PDB file of all heavy atoms in Angstrom:
ATOM      1  N   ARG A   1     -42.384  47.010 -12.910  1.00  0.00           N
ATOM      2  CA  ARG A   1     -42.710  46.543 -11.563  1.00  0.00           C
ATOM      3  C   ARG A   1     -41.443  46.004 -10.913  1.00  0.00           C
ATOM      4  O   ARG A   1     -40.641  45.308 -11.548  1.00  0.00           O
ATOM      5  CB  ARG A   1     -43.778  45.457 -11.617  1.00  0.00           C
ATOM      6  CG  ARG A   1     -45.097  45.937 -12.197  1.00  0.00           C
ATOM      7  CD  ARG A   1     -46.110  44.806 -12.240  1.00  0.00           C
ATOM      8  NE  ARG A   1     -46.405  44.301 -10.902  1.00  0.00           N
ATOM      9  CZ  ARG A   1     -47.106  43.204 -10.674  1.00  0.00           C
ATOM     10  NH1 ARG A   1     -47.564  42.477 -11.678  1.00  0.00           N
ATOM     11  NH2 ARG A   1     -47.344  42.805  -9.429  1.00  0.00           N
ATOM     12  N   LEU A   2     -41.278  46.318  -9.642  1.00  0.00           N
ATOM     13  CA  LEU A   2     -40.098  45.883  -8.886  1.00  0.00           C
ATOM     14  C   LEU A   2     -40.533  45.114  -7.651  1.00  0.00           C
ATOM     15  O   LEU A   2     -41.393  45.566  -6.898  1.00  0.00           O
ATOM     16  CB  LEU A   2     -39.259  47.091  -8.471  1.00  0.00           C
ATOM     17  CG  LEU A   2     -38.108  46.833  -7.472  1.00  0.00           C
ATOM     18  CD1 LEU A   2     -37.068  45.886  -8.066  1.00  0.00           C
ATOM     19  CD2 LEU A   2     -37.460  48.141  -7.041  1.00  0.00           C
ATOM     20  N   PHE A   3     -39.917  43.935  -7.473  1.00  0.00           N
ATOM     21  CA  PHE A   3     -40.129  43.128  -6.274  1.00  0.00           C
ATOM     22  C   PHE A   3     -38.755  42.854  -5.682  1.00  0.00           C
ATOM     23  O   PHE A   3     -37.855  42.382  -6.376  1.00  0.00           O
ATOM     24  CB  PHE A   3     -40.830  41.817  -6.643  1.00  0.00           C
ATOM     25  CG  PHE A   3     -40.999  40.857  -5.483  1.00  0.00           C
ATOM     26  CD1 PHE A   3     -41.798  41.193  -4.407  1.00  0.00           C
ATOM     27  CD2 PHE A   3     -40.348  39.633  -5.491  1.00  0.00           C
ATOM     28  CE1 PHE A   3     -41.964  40.307  -3.341  1.00  0.00           C
ATOM     29  CE2 PHE A   3     -40.510  38.740  -4.445  1.00  0.00           C
ATOM     30  CZ  PHE A   3     -41.314  39.078  -3.364  1.00  0.00           C
ATOM     31  N   ARG A   4     -38.567  43.180  -4.401  1.00  0.00           N
ATOM     32  CA  ARG A   4     -37.253  43.041  -3.761  1.00  0.00           C
ATOM     33  C   ARG A   4     -37.337  42.086  -2.580  1.00  0.00           C
ATOM     34  O   ARG A   4     -38.312  42.098  -1.834  1.00  0.00           O
ATOM     35  CB  ARG A   4     -36.739  44.393  -3.264  1.00  0.00           C
ATOM     36  CG  ARG A   4     -36.456  45.407  -4.343  1.00  0.00           C
ATOM     37  CD  ARG A   4     -35.793  46.642  -3.775  1.00  0.00           C
ATOM     38  NE  ARG A   4     -36.643  47.290  -2.778  1.00  0.00           N
ATOM     39  CZ  ARG A   4     -36.202  48.153  -1.856  1.00  0.00           C
ATOM     40  NH1 ARG A   4     -34.910  48.426  -1.773  1.00  0.00           N
ATOM     41  NH2 ARG A   4     -37.038  48.696  -0.996  1.00  0.00           N
ATOM     42  N   THR A   5     -36.286  41.274  -2.431  1.00  0.00           N
ATOM     43  CA  THR A   5     -36.212  40.357  -1.298  1.00  0.00           C
ATOM     44  C   THR A   5     -34.814  40.411  -0.688  1.00  0.00           C
ATOM     45  O   THR A   5     -33.815  40.257  -1.399  1.00  0.00           O
ATOM     46  CB  THR A   5     -36.517  38.913  -1.730  1.00  0.00           C
ATOM     47  OG1 THR A   5     -35.660  38.536  -2.815  1.00  0.00           O
ATOM     48  CG2 THR A   5     -37.961  38.769  -2.168  1.00  0.00           C
ATOM     49  N   PRO A   6     -34.714  40.622   0.622  1.00  0.00           N
ATOM     50  CA  PRO A   6     -33.405  40.607   1.285  1.00  0.00           C
ATOM     51  C   PRO A   6     -33.037  39.195   1.721  1.00  0.00           C
ATOM     52  O   PRO A   6     -33.904  38.379   2.030  1.00  0.00           O
ATOM     53  CB  PRO A   6     -33.635  41.505   2.505  1.00  0.00           C
ATOM     54  CG  PRO A   6     -35.082  41.277   2.849  1.00  0.00           C
ATOM     55  CD  PRO A   6     -35.799  41.011   1.547  1.00  0.00           C
ATOM     56  N   HIS A   7     -31.744  38.914   1.736  1.00  0.00           N
ATOM     57  CA  HIS A   7     -31.254  37.590   2.115  1.00  0.00           C
ATOM     58  C   HIS A   7     -29.947  37.718   2.889  1.00  0.00           C
ATOM     59  O   HIS A   7     -29.223  38.700   2.747  1.00  0.00           O
ATOM     60  CB  HIS A   7     -30.985  36.722   0.875  1.00  0.00           C
ATOM     61  CG  HIS A   7     -32.142  36.614  -0.055  1.00  0.00           C
ATOM     62  ND1 HIS A   7     -33.126  35.655   0.092  1.00  0.00           N
ATOM     63  CD2 HIS A   7     -32.501  37.355  -1.137  1.00  0.00           C
ATOM     64  CE1 HIS A   7     -34.021  35.806  -0.868  1.00  0.00           C
ATOM     65  NE2 HIS A   7     -33.670  36.829  -1.621  1.00  0.00           N
ATOM     66  N   ARG A   8     -29.653  36.687   3.664  1.00  0.00           N
ATOM     67  CA  ARG A   8     -28.307  36.509   4.207  1.00  0.00           C
ATOM     68  C   ARG A   8     -27.708  35.296   3.515  1.00  0.00           C
ATOM     69  O   ARG A   8     -28.198  34.184   3.665  1.00  0.00           O
ATOM     70  CB  ARG A   8     -28.308  36.283   5.720  1.00  0.00           C
ATOM     71  CG  ARG A   8     -26.880  36.120   6.259  1.00  0.00           C
ATOM     72  CD  ARG A   8     -26.844  35.817   7.757  1.00  0.00           C
ATOM     73  NE  ARG A   8     -25.457  35.849   8.214  1.00  0.00           N
ATOM     74  CZ  ARG A   8     -24.638  34.789   8.219  1.00  0.00           C
ATOM     75  NH1 ARG A   8     -25.068  33.617   7.778  1.00  0.00           N
ATOM     76  NH2 ARG A   8     -23.396  34.910   8.627  1.00  0.00           N
ATOM     77  N   TYR A   9     -26.669  35.526   2.704  1.00  0.00           N
ATOM     78  CA  TYR A   9     -26.093  34.402   1.972  1.00  0.00           C
ATOM     79  C   TYR A   9     -25.179  33.575   2.876  1.00  0.00           C
ATOM     80  O   TYR A   9     -24.589  34.076   3.835  1.00  0.00           O
ATOM     81  CB  TYR A   9     -25.374  34.858   0.705  1.00  0.00           C
ATOM     82  CG  TYR A   9     -24.208  35.809   0.876  1.00  0.00           C
ATOM     83  CD1 TYR A   9     -22.932  35.347   1.163  1.00  0.00           C
ATOM     84  CD2 TYR A   9     -24.381  37.177   0.679  1.00  0.00           C
ATOM     85  CE1 TYR A   9     -21.851  36.216   1.280  1.00  0.00           C
ATOM     86  CE2 TYR A   9     -23.311  38.060   0.789  1.00  0.00           C
ATOM     87  CZ  TYR A   9     -22.055  37.573   1.085  1.00  0.00           C
ATOM     88  OH  TYR A   9     -20.997  38.440   1.194  1.00  0.00           O
ATOM     89  N   VAL A  10     -25.114  32.281   2.581  1.00  0.00           N
ATOM     90  CA  VAL A  10     -24.420  31.314   3.429  1.00  0.00           C
ATOM     91  C   VAL A  10     -23.560  30.414   2.545  1.00  0.00           C
ATOM     92  O   VAL A  10     -24.051  29.834   1.584  1.00  0.00           O
ATOM     93  CB  VAL A  10     -25.413  30.426   4.222  1.00  0.00           C
ATOM     94  CG1 VAL A  10     -24.679  29.630   5.288  1.00  0.00           C
ATOM     95  CG2 VAL A  10     -26.531  31.245   4.832  1.00  0.00           C
ATOM     96  N   TRP A  11     -22.308  30.276   2.894  1.00  0.00           N
ATOM     97  CA  TRP A  11     -21.432  29.342   2.203  1.00  0.00           C
ATOM     98  C   TRP A  11     -21.720  27.917   2.686  1.00  0.00           C
ATOM     99  O   TRP A  11     -22.126  27.715   3.832  1.00  0.00           O
ATOM    100  CB  TRP A  11     -19.960  29.683   2.463  1.00  0.00           C
ATOM    101  CG  TRP A  11     -19.592  31.048   1.995  1.00  0.00           C
ATOM    102  CD1 TRP A  11     -19.451  32.169   2.768  1.00  0.00           C
ATOM    103  CD2 TRP A  11     -19.349  31.463   0.652  1.00  0.00           C
ATOM    104  NE1 TRP A  11     -19.133  33.251   1.991  1.00  0.00           N
ATOM    105  CE2 TRP A  11     -19.058  32.846   0.687  1.00  0.00           C
ATOM    106  CE3 TRP A  11     -19.350  30.802  -0.579  1.00  0.00           C
ATOM    107  CZ2 TRP A  11     -18.763  33.570  -0.472  1.00  0.00           C
ATOM    108  CZ3 TRP A  11     -19.058  31.521  -1.724  1.00  0.00           C
ATOM    109  CH2 TRP A  11     -18.770  32.885  -1.661  1.00  0.00           C
ATOM    110  N   PRO A  12     -21.501  26.913   1.845  1.00  0.00           N
ATOM    111  CA  PRO A  12     -21.746  25.530   2.281  1.00  0.00           C
ATOM    112  C   PRO A  12     -21.013  25.163   3.566  1.00  0.00           C
ATOM    113  O   PRO A  12     -21.578  24.485   4.432  1.00  0.00           O
ATOM    114  CB  PRO A  12     -21.262  24.698   1.090  1.00  0.00           C
ATOM    115  CG  PRO A  12     -21.497  25.583  -0.096  1.00  0.00           C
ATOM    116  CD  PRO A  12     -21.175  26.974   0.406  1.00  0.00           C
ATOM    117  N   ALA A  13     -19.766  25.599   3.724  1.00  0.00           N
ATOM    118  CA  ALA A  13     -19.003  25.251   4.921  1.00  0.00           C
ATOM    119  C   ALA A  13     -19.632  25.863   6.173  1.00  0.00           C
ATOM    120  O   ALA A  13     -19.662  25.239   7.242  1.00  0.00           O
ATOM    121  CB  ALA A  13     -17.558  25.719   4.784  1.00  0.00           C
ATOM    122  N   GLU A  14     -20.151  27.082   6.051  1.00  0.00           N
ATOM    123  CA  GLU A  14     -20.813  27.710   7.192  1.00  0.00           C
ATOM    124  C   GLU A  14     -22.113  26.978   7.515  1.00  0.00           C
ATOM    125  O   GLU A  14     -22.449  26.774   8.688  1.00  0.00           O
ATOM    126  CB  GLU A  14     -21.102  29.182   6.897  1.00  0.00           C
ATOM    127  CG  GLU A  14     -21.742  29.919   8.070  1.00  0.00           C
ATOM    128  CD  GLU A  14     -22.142  31.337   7.742  1.00  0.00           C
ATOM    129  OE1 GLU A  14     -22.058  31.734   6.552  1.00  0.00           O
ATOM    130  OE2 GLU A  14     -22.568  32.052   8.667  1.00  0.00           O
ATOM    131  N   LEU A  15     -22.824  26.567   6.483  1.00  0.00           N
ATOM    132  CA  LEU A  15     -24.060  25.816   6.691  1.00  0.00           C
ATOM    133  C   LEU A  15     -23.771  24.505   7.430  1.00  0.00           C
ATOM    134  O   LEU A  15     -24.523  24.112   8.327  1.00  0.00           O
ATOM    135  CB  LEU A  15     -24.709  25.533   5.343  1.00  0.00           C
ATOM    136  CG  LEU A  15     -26.213  25.239   5.343  1.00  0.00           C
ATOM    137  CD1 LEU A  15     -27.009  26.497   5.662  1.00  0.00           C
ATOM    138  CD2 LEU A  15     -26.638  24.680   3.987  1.00  0.00           C
ATOM    139  N   ASP A  16     -22.662  23.855   7.075  1.00  0.00           N
ATOM    140  CA  ASP A  16     -22.295  22.602   7.747  1.00  0.00           C
ATOM    141  C   ASP A  16     -22.007  22.827   9.232  1.00  0.00           C
ATOM    142  O   ASP A  16     -22.343  21.980  10.071  1.00  0.00           O
ATOM    143  CB  ASP A  16     -21.069  21.981   7.078  1.00  0.00           C
ATOM    144  CG  ASP A  16     -21.355  21.505   5.661  1.00  0.00           C
ATOM    145  OD1 ASP A  16     -22.534  21.461   5.266  1.00  0.00           O
ATOM    146  OD2 ASP A  16     -20.385  21.187   4.937  1.00  0.00           O
ATOM    147  N   LEU A  17     -21.380  23.954   9.545  1.00  0.00           N
ATOM    148  CA  LEU A  17     -21.103  24.256  10.954  1.00  0.00           C
ATOM    149  C   LEU A  17     -22.399  24.532  11.711  1.00  0.00           C
ATOM    150  O   LEU A  17     -22.569  24.090  12.859  1.00  0.00           O
ATOM    151  CB  LEU A  17     -20.159  25.449  11.061  1.00  0.00           C
ATOM    152  CG  LEU A  17     -19.735  25.846  12.483  1.00  0.00           C
ATOM    153  CD1 LEU A  17     -19.099  24.673  13.224  1.00  0.00           C
ATOM    154  CD2 LEU A  17     -18.785  27.040  12.442  1.00  0.00           C
ATOM    155  N   MET A  18     -23.326  25.234  11.077  1.00  0.00           N
ATOM    156  CA  MET A  18     -24.642  25.441  11.699  1.00  0.00           C
ATOM    157  C   MET A  18     -25.313  24.104  11.984  1.00  0.00           C
ATOM    158  O   MET A  18     -25.935  23.917  13.036  1.00  0.00           O
ATOM    159  CB  MET A  18     -25.536  26.270  10.771  1.00  0.00           C
ATOM    160  CG  MET A  18     -25.103  27.708  10.578  1.00  0.00           C
ATOM    161  SD  MET A  18     -26.238  28.552   9.446  1.00  0.00           S
ATOM    162  CE  MET A  18     -25.461  30.164   9.359  1.00  0.00           C
ATOM    163  N   ALA A  19     -25.180  23.189  11.029  1.00  0.00           N
ATOM    164  CA  ALA A  19     -25.767  21.867  11.218  1.00  0.00           C
ATOM    165  C   ALA A  19     -25.163  21.167  12.423  1.00  0.00           C
ATOM    166  O   ALA A  19     -25.880  20.551  13.228  1.00  0.00           O
ATOM    167  CB  ALA A  19     -25.565  21.028   9.956  1.00  0.00           C
ATOM    168  N   ARG A  20     -23.848  21.242  12.572  1.00  0.00           N
ATOM    169  CA  ARG A  20     -23.192  20.606  13.724  1.00  0.00           C
ATOM    170  C   ARG A  20     -23.679  21.202  15.035  1.00  0.00           C
ATOM    171  O   ARG A  20     -23.875  20.476  16.023  1.00  0.00           O
ATOM    172  CB  ARG A  20     -21.666  20.753  13.609  1.00  0.00           C
ATOM    173  CG  ARG A  20     -21.046  20.020  12.437  1.00  0.00           C
ATOM    174  CD  ARG A  20     -21.242  18.514  12.535  1.00  0.00           C
ATOM    175  NE  ARG A  20     -20.598  17.942  13.710  1.00  0.00           N
ATOM    176  CZ  ARG A  20     -19.360  17.487  13.738  1.00  0.00           C
ATOM    177  NH1 ARG A  20     -18.603  17.556  12.645  1.00  0.00           N
ATOM    178  NH2 ARG A  20     -18.852  16.974  14.836  1.00  0.00           N
ATOM    179  N   LEU A  21     -23.891  22.526  15.048  1.00  0.00           N
ATOM    180  CA  LEU A  21     -24.407  23.177  16.252  1.00  0.00           C
ATOM    181  C   LEU A  21     -25.819  22.689  16.577  1.00  0.00           C
ATOM    182  O   LEU A  21     -26.232  22.691  17.733  1.00  0.00           O
ATOM    183  CB  LEU A  21     -24.409  24.700  16.078  1.00  0.00           C
ATOM    184  CG  LEU A  21     -23.026  25.362  15.999  1.00  0.00           C
ATOM    185  CD1 LEU A  21     -23.172  26.840  15.632  1.00  0.00           C
ATOM    186  CD2 LEU A  21     -22.275  25.214  17.306  1.00  0.00           C
ATOM    187  N   GLY A  22     -26.560  22.277  15.544  1.00  0.00           N
ATOM    188  CA  GLY A  22     -27.901  21.753  15.752  1.00  0.00           C
ATOM    189  C   GLY A  22     -27.942  20.258  16.018  1.00  0.00           C
ATOM    190  O   GLY A  22     -29.021  19.688  16.198  1.00  0.00           O
ATOM    191  N   GLY A  23     -26.776  19.612  16.008  1.00  0.00           N
ATOM    192  CA  GLY A  23     -26.714  18.188  16.299  1.00  0.00           C
ATOM    193  C   GLY A  23     -26.714  17.284  15.080  1.00  0.00           C
ATOM    194  O   GLY A  23     -26.824  16.063  15.208  1.00  0.00           O
ATOM    195  N   PHE A  24     -26.580  17.869  13.869  1.00  0.00           N
ATOM    196  CA  PHE A  24     -26.627  17.105  12.625  1.00  0.00           C
ATOM    197  C   PHE A  24     -25.237  16.806  12.083  1.00  0.00           C
ATOM    198  O   PHE A  24     -24.272  17.537  12.340  1.00  0.00           O
ATOM    199  CB  PHE A  24     -27.363  17.897  11.533  1.00  0.00           C
ATOM    200  CG  PHE A  24     -28.829  18.101  11.766  1.00  0.00           C
ATOM    201  CD1 PHE A  24     -29.301  19.262  12.379  1.00  0.00           C
ATOM    202  CD2 PHE A  24     -29.749  17.164  11.345  1.00  0.00           C
ATOM    203  CE1 PHE A  24     -30.651  19.477  12.567  1.00  0.00           C
ATOM    204  CE2 PHE A  24     -31.109  17.364  11.534  1.00  0.00           C
ATOM    205  CZ  PHE A  24     -31.561  18.520  12.147  1.00  0.00           C
ATOM    206  N   ASP A  25     -25.152  15.757  11.283  1.00  0.00           N
ATOM    207  CA  ASP A  25     -23.994  15.473  10.441  1.00  0.00           C
ATOM    208  C   ASP A  25     -24.411  15.605   8.987  1.00  0.00           C
ATOM    209  O   ASP A  25     -25.564  15.315   8.631  1.00  0.00           O
ATOM    210  CB  ASP A  25     -23.471  14.049  10.675  1.00  0.00           C
ATOM    211  CG  ASP A  25     -22.926  13.857  12.083  1.00  0.00           C
ATOM    212  OD1 ASP A  25     -22.220  14.754  12.569  1.00  0.00           O
ATOM    213  OD2 ASP A  25     -23.224  12.805  12.692  1.00  0.00           O
ATOM    214  N   LEU A  26     -23.481  16.033   8.137  1.00  0.00           N
ATOM    215  CA  LEU A  26     -23.750  16.077   6.700  1.00  0.00           C
ATOM    216  C   LEU A  26     -23.752  14.659   6.151  1.00  0.00           C
ATOM    217  O   LEU A  26     -22.755  13.943   6.242  1.00  0.00           O
ATOM    218  CB  LEU A  26     -22.699  16.921   5.976  1.00  0.00           C
ATOM    219  CG  LEU A  26     -22.839  16.991   4.452  1.00  0.00           C
ATOM    220  CD1 LEU A  26     -24.123  17.711   4.051  1.00  0.00           C
ATOM    221  CD2 LEU A  26     -21.621  17.691   3.839  1.00  0.00           C
ATOM    222  N   GLU A  27     -24.864  14.246   5.571  1.00  0.00           N
ATOM    223  CA  GLU A  27     -24.969  12.909   4.985  1.00  0.00           C
ATOM    224  C   GLU A  27     -24.618  12.918   3.499  1.00  0.00           C
ATOM    225  O   GLU A  27     -23.937  12.022   3.006  1.00  0.00           O
ATOM    226  CB  GLU A  27     -26.383  12.362   5.171  1.00  0.00           C
ATOM    227  CG  GLU A  27     -26.554  10.938   4.665  1.00  0.00           C
ATOM    228  CD  GLU A  27     -27.925  10.378   4.995  1.00  0.00           C
ATOM    229  OE1 GLU A  27     -28.921  10.853   4.402  1.00  0.00           O
ATOM    230  OE2 GLU A  27     -28.004   9.483   5.849  1.00  0.00           O
ATOM    231  N   SER A  28     -25.090  13.940   2.770  1.00  0.00           N
ATOM    232  CA  SER A  28     -24.782  14.015   1.344  1.00  0.00           C
ATOM    233  C   SER A  28     -24.970  15.447   0.856  1.00  0.00           C
ATOM    234  O   SER A  28     -25.701  16.239   1.463  1.00  0.00           O
ATOM    235  CB  SER A  28     -25.689  13.071   0.528  1.00  0.00           C
ATOM    236  OG  SER A  28     -27.034  13.509   0.574  1.00  0.00           O
ATOM    237  N   ARG A  29     -24.293  15.759  -0.241  1.00  0.00           N
ATOM    238  CA  ARG A  29     -24.474  17.066  -0.907  1.00  0.00           C
ATOM    239  C   ARG A  29     -24.342  16.849  -2.402  1.00  0.00           C
ATOM    240  O   ARG A  29     -23.361  16.269  -2.869  1.00  0.00           O
ATOM    241  CB  ARG A  29     -23.456  18.088  -0.419  1.00  0.00           C
ATOM    242  CG  ARG A  29     -23.460  19.396  -1.233  1.00  0.00           C
ATOM    243  CD  ARG A  29     -22.644  20.499  -0.565  1.00  0.00           C
ATOM    244  NE  ARG A  29     -23.287  20.955   0.653  1.00  0.00           N
ATOM    245  CZ  ARG A  29     -22.646  21.172   1.806  1.00  0.00           C
ATOM    246  NH1 ARG A  29     -21.330  20.943   1.895  1.00  0.00           N
ATOM    247  NH2 ARG A  29     -23.308  21.582   2.869  1.00  0.00           N
ATOM    248  N   HIS A  30     -25.334  17.310  -3.138  1.00  0.00           N
ATOM    249  CA  HIS A  30     -25.312  17.230  -4.589  1.00  0.00           C
ATOM    250  C   HIS A  30     -25.629  18.591  -5.189  1.00  0.00           C
ATOM    251  O   HIS A  30     -26.127  19.492  -4.499  1.00  0.00           O
ATOM    252  CB  HIS A  30     -26.306  16.185  -5.088  1.00  0.00           C
ATOM    253  CG  HIS A  30     -25.964  14.785  -4.679  1.00  0.00           C
ATOM    254  ND1 HIS A  30     -26.531  14.157  -3.580  1.00  0.00           N
ATOM    255  CD2 HIS A  30     -25.084  13.901  -5.205  1.00  0.00           C
ATOM    256  CE1 HIS A  30     -26.026  12.944  -3.463  1.00  0.00           C
ATOM    257  NE2 HIS A  30     -25.153  12.762  -4.424  1.00  0.00           N
ATOM    258  N   ALA A  31     -25.356  18.713  -6.480  1.00  0.00           N
ATOM    259  CA  ALA A  31     -25.560  19.993  -7.159  1.00  0.00           C
ATOM    260  C   ALA A  31     -27.023  20.242  -7.514  1.00  0.00           C
ATOM    261  O   ALA A  31     -27.400  21.384  -7.793  1.00  0.00           O
ATOM    262  CB  ALA A  31     -24.708  20.051  -8.425  1.00  0.00           C
ATOM    263  N   ASP A  32     -27.837  19.179  -7.501  1.00  0.00           N
ATOM    264  CA  ASP A  32     -29.255  19.338  -7.828  1.00  0.00           C
ATOM    265  C   ASP A  32     -30.030  18.156  -7.277  1.00  0.00           C
ATOM    266  O   ASP A  32     -29.477  17.251  -6.645  1.00  0.00           O
ATOM    267  CB  ASP A  32     -29.468  19.486  -9.343  1.00  0.00           C
ATOM    268  CG  ASP A  32     -28.906  18.309 -10.143  1.00  0.00           C
ATOM    269  OD1 ASP A  32     -28.835  17.180  -9.607  1.00  0.00           O
ATOM    270  OD2 ASP A  32     -28.538  18.513 -11.314  1.00  0.00           O
ATOM    271  N   TRP A  33     -31.333  18.159  -7.545  1.00  0.00           N
ATOM    272  CA  TRP A  33     -32.201  17.090  -7.034  1.00  0.00           C
ATOM    273  C   TRP A  33     -32.013  15.778  -7.775  1.00  0.00           C
ATOM    274  O   TRP A  33     -32.438  14.724  -7.296  1.00  0.00           O
ATOM    275  CB  TRP A  33     -33.663  17.527  -7.118  1.00  0.00           C
ATOM    276  CG  TRP A  33     -34.019  18.640  -6.192  1.00  0.00           C
ATOM    277  CD1 TRP A  33     -34.188  19.963  -6.506  1.00  0.00           C
ATOM    278  CD2 TRP A  33     -34.235  18.547  -4.770  1.00  0.00           C
ATOM    279  NE1 TRP A  33     -34.503  20.685  -5.380  1.00  0.00           N
ATOM    280  CE2 TRP A  33     -34.544  19.837  -4.305  1.00  0.00           C
ATOM    281  CE3 TRP A  33     -34.215  17.492  -3.864  1.00  0.00           C
ATOM    282  CZ2 TRP A  33     -34.820  20.104  -2.963  1.00  0.00           C
ATOM    283  CZ3 TRP A  33     -34.488  17.754  -2.527  1.00  0.00           C
ATOM    284  CH2 TRP A  33     -34.789  19.045  -2.089  1.00  0.00           C
ATOM    285  N   HIS A  34     -31.364  15.828  -8.942  1.00  0.00           N
ATOM    286  CA  HIS A  34     -31.076  14.601  -9.681  1.00  0.00           C
ATOM    287  C   HIS A  34     -29.896  13.829  -9.087  1.00  0.00           C
ATOM    288  O   HIS A  34     -29.675  12.678  -9.452  1.00  0.00           O
ATOM    289  CB  HIS A  34     -30.761  14.921 -11.148  1.00  0.00           C
ATOM    290  CG  HIS A  34     -31.928  15.449 -11.932  1.00  0.00           C
ATOM    291  ND1 HIS A  34     -32.924  14.645 -12.410  1.00  0.00           N
ATOM    292  CD2 HIS A  34     -32.245  16.719 -12.311  1.00  0.00           C
ATOM    293  CE1 HIS A  34     -33.808  15.383 -13.065  1.00  0.00           C
ATOM    294  NE2 HIS A  34     -33.432  16.643 -13.018  1.00  0.00           N
ATOM    295  N   GLY A  35     -29.115  14.469  -8.219  1.00  0.00           N
ATOM    296  CA  GLY A  35     -27.947  13.823  -7.630  1.00  0.00           C
ATOM    297  C   GLY A  35     -26.655  14.090  -8.371  1.00  0.00           C
ATOM    298  O   GLY A  35     -25.685  13.342  -8.202  1.00  0.00           O
ATOM    299  N   ALA A  36     -26.602  15.167  -9.182  1.00  0.00           N
ATOM    300  CA  ALA A  36     -25.366  15.518  -9.874  1.00  0.00           C
ATOM    301  C   ALA A  36     -24.273  15.865  -8.874  1.00  0.00           C
ATOM    302  O   ALA A  36     -24.538  16.377  -7.780  1.00  0.00           O
ATOM    303  CB  ALA A  36     -25.607  16.696 -10.820  1.00  0.00           C
ATOM    304  N   GLU A  37     -23.033  15.617  -9.253  1.00  0.00           N
ATOM    305  CA  GLU A  37     -21.898  15.885  -8.367  1.00  0.00           C
ATOM    306  C   GLU A  37     -21.800  17.369  -8.052  1.00  0.00           C
ATOM    307  O   GLU A  37     -21.936  18.226  -8.932  1.00  0.00           O
ATOM    308  CB  GLU A  37     -20.608  15.418  -9.027  1.00  0.00           C
ATOM    309  CG  GLU A  37     -19.370  15.653  -8.169  1.00  0.00           C
ATOM    310  CD  GLU A  37     -18.075  15.286  -8.887  1.00  0.00           C
ATOM    311  OE1 GLU A  37     -18.145  14.907 -10.071  1.00  0.00           O
ATOM    312  OE2 GLU A  37     -17.006  15.397  -8.258  1.00  0.00           O
ATOM    313  N   PHE A  38     -21.560  17.678  -6.781  1.00  0.00           N
ATOM    314  CA  PHE A  38     -21.326  19.058  -6.359  1.00  0.00           C
ATOM    315  C   PHE A  38     -19.866  19.395  -6.581  1.00  0.00           C
ATOM    316  O   PHE A  38     -18.968  18.691  -6.098  1.00  0.00           O
ATOM    317  CB  PHE A  38     -21.702  19.231  -4.890  1.00  0.00           C
ATOM    318  CG  PHE A  38     -21.506  20.645  -4.384  1.00  0.00           C
ATOM    319  CD1 PHE A  38     -22.400  21.644  -4.723  1.00  0.00           C
ATOM    320  CD2 PHE A  38     -20.423  20.962  -3.578  1.00  0.00           C
ATOM    321  CE1 PHE A  38     -22.223  22.944  -4.266  1.00  0.00           C
ATOM    322  CE2 PHE A  38     -20.241  22.253  -3.115  1.00  0.00           C
ATOM    323  CZ  PHE A  38     -21.146  23.249  -3.462  1.00  0.00           C
ATOM    324  N   THR A  39     -19.591  20.467  -7.340  1.00  0.00           N
ATOM    325  CA  THR A  39     -18.223  20.871  -7.662  1.00  0.00           C
ATOM    326  C   THR A  39     -18.023  22.348  -7.361  1.00  0.00           C
ATOM    327  O   THR A  39     -18.964  23.053  -6.957  1.00  0.00           O
ATOM    328  CB  THR A  39     -17.922  20.629  -9.156  1.00  0.00           C
ATOM    329  OG1 THR A  39     -18.643  21.604  -9.945  1.00  0.00           O
ATOM    330  CG2 THR A  39     -18.331  19.225  -9.582  1.00  0.00           C
ATOM    331  N   ALA A  40     -16.815  22.820  -7.604  1.00  0.00           N
ATOM    332  CA  ALA A  40     -16.503  24.232  -7.389  1.00  0.00           C
ATOM    333  C   ALA A  40     -17.294  25.144  -8.317  1.00  0.00           C
ATOM    334  O   ALA A  40     -17.422  26.346  -8.052  1.00  0.00           O
ATOM    335  CB  ALA A  40     -15.007  24.468  -7.580  1.00  0.00           C
TER     336      ALA A  40
END
C-alpha cells in the first residue's frame, strides 16, 4: 500500500521572515516539546 503527501519544505530562517510579514517576533525555538536546545 502506498500513501503519498506533497509538501513545501521551509527553512527556519524563511519561516522567521514569514512570521515578520505576519507581524510576529520569534520568542523561542527548541528542538522538541521538552525544550531541548535547537542546534545545527
